[in-house]
């Protein structure tokens, strides 16, 4: 059921690097952040707290009160780094594109994203 999945294709110089699929927007967003942190040094490619033109901070280093106090919409994607997933579909797409671009990658959204 590829049409029901949220599919994200990460591209470098027009070539597919990886494809991430999930039945949930939030899960696919977190998986992209995990991949970029592990494979493309996301944390080194952005200034923290990461606030690309919005009041909220989509990526933060820590949650006051620690991991156990993390709000539902903040998901740890790398040791001590959290991504805010409380957003509508278009905002999630924009934030995914921004963090991918910070790592020199482009994004193709497929399936349920469209």
N, C-alpha and C. Protein backbone atom coordinates (compact mmCIF):
# COMPACT_ATOMS: atom_id res chain seq x y z
N UNK A 1 0.82 -1.19 0.00
CA UNK A 1 0.00 0.00 0.00
C UNK A 1 0.86 1.26 0.00
N UNK A 2 1.71 1.40 -0.99
CA UNK A 2 2.63 2.52 -1.05
C UNK A 2 1.90 3.86 -1.05
N UNK A 3 0.69 3.93 -1.61
CA UNK A 3 -0.06 5.18 -1.65
C UNK A 3 -0.53 5.63 -0.28
N UNK A 4 -0.64 4.71 0.68
CA UNK A 4 -1.06 5.05 2.03
C UNK A 4 0.12 5.37 2.93
N UNK A 5 1.33 5.15 2.45
CA UNK A 5 2.52 5.41 3.25
C UNK A 5 3.04 6.81 2.96
N UNK A 6 3.63 7.40 3.98
CA UNK A 6 4.33 8.67 3.82
C UNK A 6 5.75 8.32 3.39
N UNK A 7 6.06 8.60 2.13
CA UNK A 7 7.35 8.22 1.56
C UNK A 7 8.19 9.46 1.30
N UNK A 8 9.43 9.41 1.75
CA UNK A 8 10.38 10.51 1.57
C UNK A 8 11.61 9.95 0.90
N UNK A 9 11.95 10.49 -0.27
CA UNK A 9 13.15 10.09 -0.98
C UNK A 9 14.16 11.22 -0.82
N UNK A 10 15.34 10.89 -0.26
CA UNK A 10 16.41 11.87 -0.13
C UNK A 10 17.35 11.72 -1.30
N UNK A 11 17.68 12.87 -1.92
CA UNK A 11 18.49 12.88 -3.14
C UNK A 11 19.73 13.75 -2.97
N UNK A 12 20.81 13.29 -3.56
CA UNK A 12 22.05 14.07 -3.60
C UNK A 12 22.48 14.14 -5.05
N UNK A 13 22.59 15.36 -5.58
CA UNK A 13 22.93 15.56 -6.99
C UNK A 13 22.01 14.76 -7.91
N UNK A 14 20.72 14.71 -7.56
CA UNK A 14 19.72 14.02 -8.37
C UNK A 14 19.68 12.52 -8.20
N UNK A 15 20.58 11.97 -7.40
CA UNK A 15 20.63 10.52 -7.19
C UNK A 15 20.00 10.16 -5.84
N UNK A 16 19.19 9.11 -5.85
CA UNK A 16 18.54 8.66 -4.63
C UNK A 16 19.58 8.14 -3.64
N UNK A 17 19.52 8.67 -2.42
CA UNK A 17 20.41 8.24 -1.34
C UNK A 17 19.70 7.20 -0.48
N UNK A 18 18.46 7.49 -0.12
CA UNK A 18 17.68 6.56 0.68
C UNK A 18 16.20 6.91 0.54
N UNK A 19 15.37 5.94 0.84
CA UNK A 19 13.92 6.14 0.86
C UNK A 19 13.42 5.76 2.24
N UNK A 20 12.61 6.62 2.81
CA UNK A 20 12.05 6.40 4.14
C UNK A 20 10.55 6.32 4.00
N UNK A 21 9.97 5.24 4.53
CA UNK A 21 8.52 5.02 4.46
C UNK A 21 7.96 4.80 5.85
N UNK A 22 6.77 5.33 6.05
CA UNK A 22 6.07 5.11 7.31
C UNK A 22 4.58 5.34 7.09
N UNK A 23 3.78 4.75 7.93
CA UNK A 23 2.34 4.97 7.87
C UNK A 23 1.95 6.26 8.58
N UNK A 24 2.90 6.89 9.28
CA UNK A 24 2.61 8.10 10.04
C UNK A 24 3.58 9.22 9.66
N UNK A 25 3.05 10.44 9.56
CA UNK A 25 3.88 11.60 9.25
C UNK A 25 4.98 11.79 10.30
N UNK A 26 4.61 11.72 11.56
CA UNK A 26 5.55 11.97 12.65
C UNK A 26 6.71 10.98 12.57
N UNK A 27 6.40 9.72 12.40
CA UNK A 27 7.44 8.69 12.35
C UNK A 27 8.39 8.92 11.17
N UNK A 28 7.86 9.29 10.03
CA UNK A 28 8.73 9.53 8.87
C UNK A 28 9.62 10.75 9.11
N UNK A 29 9.09 11.78 9.76
CA UNK A 29 9.87 12.98 10.06
C UNK A 29 11.03 12.64 11.01
N UNK A 30 10.74 11.87 12.03
CA UNK A 30 11.77 11.47 12.99
C UNK A 30 12.82 10.58 12.31
N UNK A 31 12.38 9.67 11.45
CA UNK A 31 13.33 8.80 10.73
C UNK A 31 14.27 9.60 9.84
N UNK A 32 13.75 10.64 9.19
CA UNK A 32 14.60 11.49 8.36
C UNK A 32 15.64 12.18 9.24
N UNK A 33 15.21 12.75 10.36
CA UNK A 33 16.15 13.41 11.27
C UNK A 33 17.21 12.44 11.77
N UNK A 34 16.80 11.21 12.12
CA UNK A 34 17.75 10.19 12.57
C UNK A 34 18.77 9.88 11.48
N UNK A 35 18.30 9.69 10.26
CA UNK A 35 19.19 9.38 9.14
C UNK A 35 20.16 10.53 8.90
N UNK A 36 19.66 11.75 8.87
CA UNK A 36 20.52 12.90 8.62
C UNK A 36 21.54 13.10 9.75
N UNK A 37 21.13 12.85 10.98
CA UNK A 37 22.05 12.99 12.11
C UNK A 37 23.16 11.95 12.02
N UNK A 38 22.81 10.74 11.65
CA UNK A 38 23.77 9.64 11.60
C UNK A 38 24.66 9.69 10.37
N UNK A 39 24.08 9.91 9.21
CA UNK A 39 24.81 9.80 7.95
C UNK A 39 25.35 11.13 7.41
N UNK A 40 24.74 12.25 7.81
CA UNK A 40 25.12 13.54 7.24
C UNK A 40 25.42 14.62 8.28
N UNK A 41 25.67 14.21 9.52
CA UNK A 41 26.06 15.15 10.58
C UNK A 41 25.11 16.34 10.69
N UNK A 42 23.84 16.06 10.73
CA UNK A 42 22.83 17.13 10.81
C UNK A 42 23.15 18.15 11.90
N UNK A 43 23.50 17.68 13.07
CA UNK A 43 23.72 18.58 14.21
C UNK A 43 24.84 19.59 13.90
N UNK A 44 25.87 19.16 13.18
CA UNK A 44 26.97 20.05 12.83
C UNK A 44 26.59 21.01 11.70
N UNK A 45 25.54 20.70 10.95
CA UNK A 45 25.14 21.51 9.80
C UNK A 45 24.08 22.56 10.10
N UNK A 46 23.59 22.59 11.32
CA UNK A 46 22.59 23.59 11.70
C UNK A 46 23.04 24.29 12.98
N UNK A 47 22.53 25.49 13.17
CA UNK A 47 22.80 26.22 14.40
C UNK A 47 21.69 25.90 15.39
N UNK A 48 22.07 25.56 16.61
CA UNK A 48 21.09 25.20 17.63
C UNK A 48 20.90 26.33 18.63
N UNK A 49 19.71 26.56 19.16
CA UNK A 49 18.49 25.89 18.72
C UNK A 49 18.14 26.30 17.29
N UNK A 50 17.64 25.36 16.55
CA UNK A 50 17.34 25.53 15.14
C UNK A 50 16.01 26.23 14.98
N UNK A 51 16.03 27.47 14.50
CA UNK A 51 14.80 28.28 14.36
C UNK A 51 14.76 28.91 12.98
N UNK A 52 14.50 28.14 11.94
CA UNK A 52 14.50 28.67 10.58
C UNK A 52 13.25 29.48 10.25
N UNK A 53 13.23 30.74 10.68
CA UNK A 53 12.12 31.61 10.32
C UNK A 53 10.81 31.33 11.02
N UNK A 54 10.86 30.75 12.19
CA UNK A 54 9.61 30.56 12.94
C UNK A 54 9.86 30.75 14.42
N UNK A 55 8.80 31.01 15.16
CA UNK A 55 8.93 31.26 16.59
C UNK A 55 9.31 29.99 17.35
N UNK A 56 8.72 28.89 16.95
CA UNK A 56 9.01 27.62 17.61
C UNK A 56 10.38 27.11 17.16
N UNK A 57 10.96 26.27 17.97
CA UNK A 57 12.27 25.69 17.66
C UNK A 57 12.06 24.24 17.24
N UNK A 58 12.13 23.94 15.92
CA UNK A 58 11.87 22.58 15.48
C UNK A 58 12.91 21.56 15.95
N UNK A 59 14.12 22.02 16.24
CA UNK A 59 15.13 21.10 16.79
C UNK A 59 15.75 21.77 18.00
N UNK A 60 15.75 21.04 19.12
CA UNK A 60 16.33 21.55 20.36
C UNK A 60 17.29 20.52 20.93
N UNK A 61 18.20 21.02 21.78
CA UNK A 61 19.20 20.15 22.37
C UNK A 61 18.69 19.38 23.58
N UNK A 62 17.84 20.00 24.34
CA UNK A 62 17.36 19.32 25.54
C UNK A 62 15.98 19.81 25.91
N UNK A 63 15.32 19.00 26.67
CA UNK A 63 13.98 19.33 27.16
C UNK A 63 14.12 19.66 28.64
N UNK A 64 13.62 20.82 29.08
CA UNK A 64 13.66 21.11 30.51
C UNK A 64 13.00 19.97 31.29
N UNK A 65 13.68 19.44 32.28
CA UNK A 65 13.14 18.33 33.04
C UNK A 65 13.60 16.98 32.51
N UNK A 66 14.31 16.96 31.39
CA UNK A 66 14.86 15.72 30.86
C UNK A 66 13.89 14.97 29.95
N UNK A 67 14.37 13.84 29.43
CA UNK A 67 13.60 13.04 28.47
C UNK A 67 12.24 12.61 29.01
N UNK A 68 12.18 12.30 30.29
CA UNK A 68 10.92 11.83 30.85
C UNK A 68 9.85 12.91 30.83
N UNK A 69 10.26 14.17 30.76
CA UNK A 69 9.33 15.28 30.73
C UNK A 69 9.05 15.78 29.32
N UNK A 70 9.61 15.12 28.32
CA UNK A 70 9.45 15.58 26.93
C UNK A 70 7.98 15.55 26.54
N UNK A 71 7.49 16.65 25.99
CA UNK A 71 6.10 16.66 25.50
C UNK A 71 5.93 15.64 24.38
N UNK A 72 4.72 15.19 24.16
CA UNK A 72 4.45 14.18 23.14
C UNK A 72 4.96 14.58 21.76
N UNK A 73 4.92 15.84 21.43
CA UNK A 73 5.28 16.27 20.09
C UNK A 73 6.78 16.44 19.88
N UNK A 74 7.60 16.27 20.91
CA UNK A 74 9.05 16.35 20.79
C UNK A 74 9.59 14.92 20.83
N UNK A 75 10.30 14.55 19.77
CA UNK A 75 10.80 13.19 19.66
C UNK A 75 12.32 13.20 19.58
N UNK A 76 12.96 12.39 20.41
CA UNK A 76 14.42 12.31 20.38
C UNK A 76 14.84 11.55 19.12
N UNK A 77 15.71 12.17 18.31
CA UNK A 77 16.18 11.53 17.08
C UNK A 77 17.66 11.22 17.14
N UNK A 78 18.35 11.81 18.08
CA UNK A 78 19.77 11.57 18.30
C UNK A 78 20.00 11.84 19.77
N UNK A 79 21.01 11.25 20.36
CA UNK A 79 21.23 11.37 21.79
C UNK A 79 21.20 12.83 22.25
N UNK A 80 20.14 13.18 22.96
CA UNK A 80 20.01 14.52 23.52
C UNK A 80 19.44 15.57 22.57
N UNK A 81 19.02 15.19 21.37
CA UNK A 81 18.45 16.13 20.41
C UNK A 81 17.03 15.72 20.07
N UNK A 82 16.14 16.71 20.07
CA UNK A 82 14.72 16.46 19.88
C UNK A 82 14.20 17.25 18.70
N UNK A 83 13.26 16.66 17.97
CA UNK A 83 12.61 17.37 16.86
C UNK A 83 11.14 17.55 17.21
N UNK A 84 10.64 18.74 16.95
CA UNK A 84 9.25 19.07 17.22
C UNK A 84 8.40 18.63 16.04
N UNK A 85 7.46 17.75 16.29
CA UNK A 85 6.61 17.22 15.22
C UNK A 85 5.18 17.74 15.29
N UNK A 86 4.94 18.71 16.17
CA UNK A 86 3.61 19.29 16.29
C UNK A 86 3.43 20.34 15.20
N UNK A 87 2.95 19.89 14.05
CA UNK A 87 2.77 20.77 12.90
C UNK A 87 1.82 20.08 11.92
N UNK A 88 1.26 20.87 11.02
CA UNK A 88 0.42 20.28 9.99
C UNK A 88 1.31 19.67 8.90
N UNK A 89 0.71 19.00 7.96
CA UNK A 89 1.46 18.29 6.93
C UNK A 89 2.40 19.21 6.14
N UNK A 90 1.91 20.36 5.72
CA UNK A 90 2.75 21.25 4.91
C UNK A 90 3.94 21.79 5.71
N UNK A 91 3.74 22.05 7.00
CA UNK A 91 4.85 22.53 7.83
C UNK A 91 5.86 21.42 8.06
N UNK A 92 5.40 20.20 8.27
CA UNK A 92 6.33 19.07 8.41
C UNK A 92 7.17 18.92 7.14
N UNK A 93 6.52 19.01 5.98
CA UNK A 93 7.25 18.91 4.71
C UNK A 93 8.30 20.01 4.60
N UNK A 94 7.93 21.22 4.96
CA UNK A 94 8.87 22.34 4.89
C UNK A 94 10.06 22.12 5.82
N UNK A 95 9.81 21.66 7.04
CA UNK A 95 10.91 21.43 7.99
C UNK A 95 11.79 20.26 7.55
N UNK A 96 11.20 19.21 7.02
CA UNK A 96 11.99 18.09 6.49
C UNK A 96 12.88 18.59 5.36
N UNK A 97 12.31 19.38 4.46
CA UNK A 97 13.09 19.92 3.34
C UNK A 97 14.23 20.79 3.85
N UNK A 98 13.98 21.61 4.85
CA UNK A 98 15.01 22.51 5.39
C UNK A 98 16.17 21.74 6.01
N UNK A 99 15.88 20.71 6.80
CA UNK A 99 16.99 19.99 7.43
C UNK A 99 17.75 19.17 6.39
N UNK A 100 17.05 18.64 5.40
CA UNK A 100 17.73 17.92 4.32
C UNK A 100 18.62 18.87 3.53
N UNK A 101 18.10 20.05 3.20
CA UNK A 101 18.89 21.05 2.47
C UNK A 101 20.12 21.48 3.25
N UNK A 102 20.00 21.56 4.58
CA UNK A 102 21.14 21.93 5.42
C UNK A 102 22.27 20.90 5.30
N UNK A 103 21.92 19.69 4.91
CA UNK A 103 22.91 18.61 4.73
C UNK A 103 23.28 18.43 3.26
N UNK A 104 22.83 19.33 2.40
CA UNK A 104 23.16 19.26 0.98
C UNK A 104 22.30 18.30 0.18
N UNK A 105 21.14 17.93 0.73
CA UNK A 105 20.26 16.98 0.05
C UNK A 105 18.95 17.64 -0.37
N UNK A 106 18.32 17.06 -1.36
CA UNK A 106 16.98 17.45 -1.79
C UNK A 106 16.00 16.37 -1.37
N UNK A 107 14.72 16.70 -1.43
CA UNK A 107 13.67 15.79 -0.96
C UNK A 107 12.59 15.64 -2.01
N UNK A 108 12.12 14.41 -2.17
CA UNK A 108 10.96 14.14 -3.01
C UNK A 108 9.93 13.46 -2.11
N UNK A 109 8.78 14.11 -1.95
CA UNK A 109 7.70 13.56 -1.12
C UNK A 109 6.77 12.77 -2.02
N UNK A 110 6.44 11.56 -1.60
CA UNK A 110 5.58 10.69 -2.39
C UNK A 110 4.51 10.07 -1.50
N UNK A 111 3.62 9.34 -2.14
CA UNK A 111 2.58 8.62 -1.42
C UNK A 111 1.61 9.55 -0.72
N UNK A 112 1.35 9.28 0.55
CA UNK A 112 0.36 10.02 1.32
C UNK A 112 0.72 11.48 1.57
N UNK A 113 1.96 11.88 1.30
CA UNK A 113 2.35 13.28 1.44
C UNK A 113 1.64 14.14 0.40
N UNK A 114 1.30 13.55 -0.74
CA UNK A 114 0.72 14.32 -1.84
C UNK A 114 -0.80 14.29 -1.84
